[in-house]
């Protein structure tokens, strides 16, 4: 094994660990009352797949190549990029209960004229 292979393996494991941690954090913010069942199911499935991808090399001796590293990096980057939306729980599109209807979404309640 050369240094490049070792670096790819280390990067893959670090990305998988980061991604799994991010998914666990999101799942901890979900509940039946706050998040759609489909969103919970998707995150559970993705979490299981990430866990499997992280453990596969140890029991199959099949380490990640550049393509798997690129996919893991892409998923980690997109998860981190939209983490702000999940900071206070599920974002609007993932919530199980719709937001209150606002008949005039352009109306500002600060007393200023439109």
Protein backbone atom coordinates (compact mmCIF):
# COMPACT_ATOMS: atom_id res chain seq x y z
CA UNK A 1 0.00 0.00 0.00
CA UNK A 2 1.43 3.36 -0.99
CA UNK A 3 0.93 6.73 0.72
CA UNK A 4 -1.80 7.81 -1.72
CA UNK A 5 -3.88 4.70 -0.98
CA UNK A 6 -3.49 5.28 2.73
CA UNK A 7 -4.53 8.92 2.35
CA UNK A 8 -7.63 7.94 0.34
CA UNK A 9 -8.62 5.40 3.00
CA UNK A 10 -8.13 7.88 5.81
CA UNK A 11 -10.10 10.60 4.00
CA UNK A 12 -12.91 8.14 3.27
CA UNK A 13 -13.19 7.09 6.92
CA UNK A 14 -13.12 10.69 8.15
CA UNK A 15 -15.84 11.69 5.69
CA UNK A 16 -17.97 8.69 6.60
CA UNK A 17 -17.61 9.48 10.30
CA UNK A 18 -18.48 13.14 9.72
CA UNK A 19 -21.46 12.22 7.58
CA UNK A 20 -22.73 9.64 10.05
CA UNK A 21 -22.41 12.17 12.90
CA UNK A 22 -24.36 14.78 10.90
CA UNK A 23 -27.12 12.29 10.12
CA UNK A 24 -27.38 11.21 13.76
CA UNK A 25 -27.64 14.87 14.81
CA UNK A 26 -30.48 15.43 12.33
CA UNK A 27 -32.32 12.27 13.32
CA UNK A 28 -32.13 13.43 16.96
CA UNK A 29 -34.07 16.56 15.95
CA UNK A 30 -36.84 14.53 14.32
CA UNK A 31 -39.96 13.05 15.84
CA UNK A 32 -43.32 11.84 14.62
CA UNK A 33 -44.81 15.17 15.67
CA UNK A 34 -42.28 17.35 13.86
CA UNK A 35 -41.09 15.49 10.78
CA UNK A 36 -42.77 13.74 7.86
CA UNK A 37 -42.52 9.95 7.93
CA UNK A 38 -40.87 9.91 4.50
CA UNK A 39 -38.12 12.27 5.67
CA UNK A 40 -37.49 10.15 8.77
CA UNK A 41 -37.38 7.00 6.64
CA UNK A 42 -34.96 8.55 4.16
CA UNK A 43 -32.59 9.65 6.91
CA UNK A 44 -32.79 6.23 8.57
CA UNK A 45 -31.98 4.55 5.25
CA UNK A 46 -29.13 6.94 4.45
CA UNK A 47 -27.76 6.53 7.99
CA UNK A 48 -27.80 2.75 7.63
CA UNK A 49 -26.10 2.98 4.23
CA UNK A 50 -23.42 5.33 5.55
CA UNK A 51 -22.82 3.01 8.50
CA UNK A 52 -22.55 0.09 6.09
CA UNK A 53 -20.17 1.99 3.83
CA UNK A 54 -17.99 2.78 6.82
CA UNK A 55 -17.86 -0.78 8.11
CA UNK A 56 -17.67 -2.59 4.76
CA UNK A 57 -13.91 -2.16 4.33
CA UNK A 58 -13.23 -3.89 7.65
CA UNK A 59 -15.16 -7.07 6.99
CA UNK A 60 -14.88 -7.26 3.19
CA UNK A 61 -11.39 -5.79 2.81
CA UNK A 62 -12.84 -3.70 0.02
CA UNK A 63 -11.59 -0.17 0.56
CA UNK A 64 -12.93 2.93 -1.10
CA UNK A 65 -11.52 4.13 -4.36
CA UNK A 66 -11.61 7.66 -5.74
CA UNK A 67 -15.23 7.37 -6.93
CA UNK A 68 -16.50 6.35 -3.48
CA UNK A 69 -14.41 9.07 -1.88
CA UNK A 70 -15.89 11.64 -4.27
CA UNK A 71 -19.45 10.51 -3.52
CA UNK A 72 -18.84 10.57 0.23
CA UNK A 73 -17.33 14.05 -0.04
CA UNK A 74 -20.25 15.29 -2.14
CA UNK A 75 -22.82 14.01 0.33
CA UNK A 76 -20.89 15.41 3.29
CA UNK A 77 -20.55 18.83 1.64
CA UNK A 78 -24.27 19.06 0.84
CA UNK A 79 -25.20 17.93 4.35
CA UNK A 80 -22.97 20.55 5.92
CA UNK A 81 -24.15 23.21 3.46
CA UNK A 82 -27.78 22.85 4.48
CA UNK A 83 -27.12 22.32 8.19
CA UNK A 84 -28.25 25.87 9.01
CA UNK A 85 -31.76 24.95 7.86
CA UNK A 86 -31.84 22.11 10.43
CA UNK A 87 -30.41 24.12 13.35
CA UNK A 88 -33.81 24.62 15.01
CA UNK A 89 -35.36 21.34 13.97
CA UNK A 90 -36.65 20.15 10.61
CA UNK A 91 -36.98 22.81 7.91
CA UNK A 92 -40.42 23.74 6.61
CA UNK A 93 -40.43 21.24 3.73
CA UNK A 94 -39.69 18.34 6.09
CA UNK A 95 -42.20 19.19 8.82
CA UNK A 96 -45.16 16.95 9.41
CA UNK A 97 -47.46 19.87 10.20
CA UNK A 98 -47.77 22.71 7.73
CA UNK A 99 -47.03 26.25 8.81
CA UNK A 100 -49.89 28.61 9.54
CA UNK A 101 -51.40 30.09 6.40
CA UNK A 102 -50.30 33.64 5.64
CA UNK A 103 -52.81 35.19 3.22
CA UNK A 104 -50.40 38.01 2.36
CA UNK A 105 -46.80 36.75 2.44
CA UNK A 106 -45.51 40.15 1.27
CA UNK A 107 -47.11 42.04 4.14
CA UNK A 108 -44.63 43.30 6.74
CA UNK A 109 -45.92 43.69 10.27
CA UNK A 110 -43.43 46.39 11.28
CA UNK A 111 -45.84 49.17 10.48
CA UNK A 112 -44.18 50.18 7.23
CA UNK A 113 -46.09 50.71 4.06
CA UNK A 114 -45.45 48.24 1.23
